[in-house]
Amino acid sequence: MAQALRPNTAGGLFATDGKPHPLQDALLAVTLVLGITSFVTAMFHNLHLLSSWTGLVGIITGAYGQWISVTTRERFGLILGLGAAGVGFFLGMAHGGLFGGLF
């Protein structure tokens, strides 16, 4: 019956230590949204500006999120977002880059 006396420490989806991490969770969400946006728009040649810029910002927010992350779940989500942002960024750069067609 010892397990009945243990507190529930799985309070949040991303906070495995039982403490809230609002900044880390926000960075995780932003990185995932930017990564998915960059990855999806990289499949279209004429959306290289959106793809490359969202990928670059996604890489920066994901790297900062990795630096201040606390739990393994946060790091896992950040790695997924970073990977998608990286692929989208590099494909966007291959299709025209950050300023391609503007000047």
C-alpha atoms as a PDB file:
ATOM      1  CA  MET A   1       0.000   0.000   0.000  1.00  0.00           C
ATOM      2  CA  ALA A   2       3.002   2.308  -0.176  1.00  0.00           C
ATOM      3  CA  GLN A   3       2.060   3.429  -3.669  1.00  0.00           C
ATOM      4  CA  ALA A   4      -1.232   4.795  -2.340  1.00  0.00           C
ATOM      5  CA  LEU A   5       0.674   7.244  -0.141  1.00  0.00           C
ATOM      6  CA  ARG A   6       2.911   8.683  -2.879  1.00  0.00           C
ATOM      7  CA  PRO A   7       1.941  12.066  -4.259  1.00  0.00           C
ATOM      8  CA  ASN A   8       1.069  12.364  -7.925  1.00  0.00           C
ATOM      9  CA  THR A   9       4.110  14.097  -9.444  1.00  0.00           C
ATOM     10  CA  ALA A  10       2.962  13.862 -13.058  1.00  0.00           C
ATOM     11  CA  GLY A  11       1.122  17.189 -12.738  1.00  0.00           C
ATOM     12  CA  GLY A  12       1.623  18.449 -16.282  1.00  0.00           C
ATOM     13  CA  LEU A  13       2.228  17.001 -19.663  1.00  0.00           C
ATOM     14  CA  PHE A  14       5.726  18.456 -19.948  1.00  0.00           C
ATOM     15  CA  ALA A  15       6.653  18.970 -16.285  1.00  0.00           C
ATOM     16  CA  THR A  16       7.815  15.562 -15.118  1.00  0.00           C
ATOM     17  CA  ASP A  17       9.303  17.039 -11.966  1.00  0.00           C
ATOM     18  CA  GLY A  18       5.921  18.288 -10.760  1.00  0.00           C
ATOM     19  CA  LYS A  19       6.828  21.976 -11.064  1.00  0.00           C
ATOM     20  CA  PRO A  20       5.399  24.412 -13.615  1.00  0.00           C
ATOM     21  CA  HIS A  21       7.696  25.598 -16.411  1.00  0.00           C
ATOM     22  CA  PRO A  22       5.713  28.238 -18.317  1.00  0.00           C
ATOM     23  CA  LEU A  23       8.666  29.740 -20.207  1.00  0.00           C
ATOM     24  CA  GLN A  24       9.980  26.367 -21.331  1.00  0.00           C
ATOM     25  CA  ASP A  25       6.497  25.229 -22.366  1.00  0.00           C
ATOM     26  CA  ALA A  26       5.962  28.432 -24.348  1.00  0.00           C
ATOM     27  CA  LEU A  27       9.303  28.007 -26.129  1.00  0.00           C
ATOM     28  CA  LEU A  28       8.397  24.404 -26.877  1.00  0.00           C
ATOM     29  CA  ALA A  29       5.066  25.422 -28.409  1.00  0.00           C
ATOM     30  CA  VAL A  30       6.610  28.242 -30.450  1.00  0.00           C
ATOM     31  CA  THR A  31       9.402  25.998 -31.720  1.00  0.00           C
ATOM     32  CA  LEU A  32       6.959  23.275 -32.745  1.00  0.00           C
ATOM     33  CA  VAL A  33       4.653  25.712 -34.559  1.00  0.00           C
ATOM     34  CA  LEU A  34       7.537  27.412 -36.362  1.00  0.00           C
ATOM     35  CA  GLY A  35       9.138  24.082 -37.214  1.00  0.00           C
ATOM     36  CA  ILE A  36       5.954  22.612 -38.659  1.00  0.00           C
ATOM     37  CA  THR A  37       5.232  25.819 -40.590  1.00  0.00           C
ATOM     38  CA  SER A  38       8.748  25.910 -41.985  1.00  0.00           C
ATOM     39  CA  PHE A  39       8.706  22.233 -42.910  1.00  0.00           C
ATOM     40  CA  VAL A  40       5.336  22.377 -44.667  1.00  0.00           C
ATOM     41  CA  THR A  41       6.034  25.599 -46.568  1.00  0.00           C
ATOM     42  CA  ALA A  42       9.430  24.278 -47.679  1.00  0.00           C
ATOM     43  CA  MET A  43       7.611  21.847 -49.950  1.00  0.00           C
ATOM     44  CA  PHE A  44       6.459  24.777 -52.100  1.00  0.00           C
ATOM     45  CA  HIS A  45       9.156  26.500 -54.144  1.00  0.00           C
ATOM     46  CA  ASN A  46       7.505  29.927 -54.149  1.00  0.00           C
ATOM     47  CA  LEU A  47       7.169  30.064 -50.328  1.00  0.00           C
ATOM     48  CA  HIS A  48      10.912  30.090 -49.696  1.00  0.00           C
ATOM     49  CA  LEU A  49      10.783  33.408 -47.812  1.00  0.00           C
ATOM     50  CA  LEU A  50       8.271  32.106 -45.279  1.00  0.00           C
ATOM     51  CA  SER A  51      10.044  28.781 -45.019  1.00  0.00           C
ATOM     52  CA  SER A  52      13.518  30.193 -44.484  1.00  0.00           C
ATOM     53  CA  TRP A  53      12.507  32.887 -41.982  1.00  0.00           C
ATOM     54  CA  THR A  54      10.258  30.635 -39.880  1.00  0.00           C
ATOM     55  CA  GLY A  55      12.983  28.007 -39.949  1.00  0.00           C
ATOM     56  CA  LEU A  56      15.616  30.481 -38.772  1.00  0.00           C
ATOM     57  CA  VAL A  57      13.453  31.816 -35.943  1.00  0.00           C
ATOM     58  CA  GLY A  58      12.467  28.243 -35.034  1.00  0.00           C
ATOM     59  CA  ILE A  59      16.110  27.227 -34.795  1.00  0.00           C
ATOM     60  CA  ILE A  60      16.901  30.204 -32.561  1.00  0.00           C
ATOM     61  CA  THR A  61      13.936  29.659 -30.213  1.00  0.00           C
ATOM     62  CA  GLY A  62      14.582  25.925 -30.119  1.00  0.00           C
ATOM     63  CA  ALA A  63      18.240  26.412 -29.271  1.00  0.00           C
ATOM     64  CA  TYR A  64      17.376  28.787 -26.441  1.00  0.00           C
ATOM     65  CA  GLY A  65      14.700  26.374 -25.254  1.00  0.00           C
ATOM     66  CA  GLN A  66      17.241  23.558 -25.192  1.00  0.00           C
ATOM     67  CA  TRP A  67      19.594  25.723 -23.186  1.00  0.00           C
ATOM     68  CA  ILE A  68      17.045  26.447 -20.435  1.00  0.00           C
ATOM     69  CA  SER A  69      15.001  23.230 -20.588  1.00  0.00           C
ATOM     70  CA  VAL A  70      14.558  21.269 -17.386  1.00  0.00           C
ATOM     71  CA  THR A  71      12.836  17.996 -18.230  1.00  0.00           C
ATOM     72  CA  THR A  72      13.379  15.285 -20.799  1.00  0.00           C
ATOM     73  CA  ARG A  73       9.898  15.722 -22.245  1.00  0.00           C
ATOM     74  CA  GLU A  74      10.627  19.368 -23.021  1.00  0.00           C
ATOM     75  CA  ARG A  75      13.884  18.431 -24.693  1.00  0.00           C
ATOM     76  CA  PHE A  76      12.191  15.746 -26.777  1.00  0.00           C
ATOM     77  CA  GLY A  77       9.598  18.167 -28.146  1.00  0.00           C
ATOM     78  CA  LEU A  78      12.227  20.808 -28.758  1.00  0.00           C
ATOM     79  CA  ILE A  79      14.341  18.369 -30.752  1.00  0.00           C
ATOM     80  CA  LEU A  80      11.351  17.548 -32.962  1.00  0.00           C
ATOM     81  CA  GLY A  81      10.677  21.229 -33.553  1.00  0.00           C
ATOM     82  CA  LEU A  82      14.351  21.959 -34.149  1.00  0.00           C
ATOM     83  CA  GLY A  83      14.603  19.160 -36.702  1.00  0.00           C
ATOM     84  CA  ALA A  84      11.560  20.349 -38.627  1.00  0.00           C
ATOM     85  CA  ALA A  85      12.750  23.965 -38.486  1.00  0.00           C
ATOM     86  CA  GLY A  86      16.214  22.957 -39.679  1.00  0.00           C
ATOM     87  CA  VAL A  87      14.912  20.979 -42.642  1.00  0.00           C
ATOM     88  CA  GLY A  88      12.516  23.776 -43.562  1.00  0.00           C
ATOM     89  CA  PHE A  89      15.238  26.392 -43.205  1.00  0.00           C
ATOM     90  CA  PHE A  90      17.726  24.559 -45.408  1.00  0.00           C
ATOM     91  CA  LEU A  91      15.144  23.766 -48.081  1.00  0.00           C
ATOM     92  CA  GLY A  92      14.002  27.387 -48.006  1.00  0.00           C
ATOM     93  CA  MET A  93      17.609  28.478 -48.451  1.00  0.00           C
ATOM     94  CA  ALA A  94      17.996  26.089 -51.366  1.00  0.00           C
ATOM     95  CA  HIS A  95      14.866  27.483 -53.038  1.00  0.00           C
ATOM     96  CA  GLY A  96      15.886  31.126 -52.835  1.00  0.00           C
ATOM     97  CA  GLY A  97      17.016  32.066 -49.365  1.00  0.00           C
ATOM     98  CA  LEU A  98      16.088  34.726 -46.869  1.00  0.00           C
ATOM     99  CA  PHE A  99      16.046  37.611 -49.358  1.00  0.00           C
ATOM    100  CA  GLY A 100      15.793  35.789 -52.714  1.00  0.00           C
ATOM    101  CA  GLY A 101      13.724  37.714 -55.216  1.00  0.00           C
ATOM    102  CA  LEU A 102      13.376  40.857 -53.078  1.00  0.00           C
ATOM    103  CA  PHE A 103      16.369  42.775 -54.423  1.00  0.00           C
END
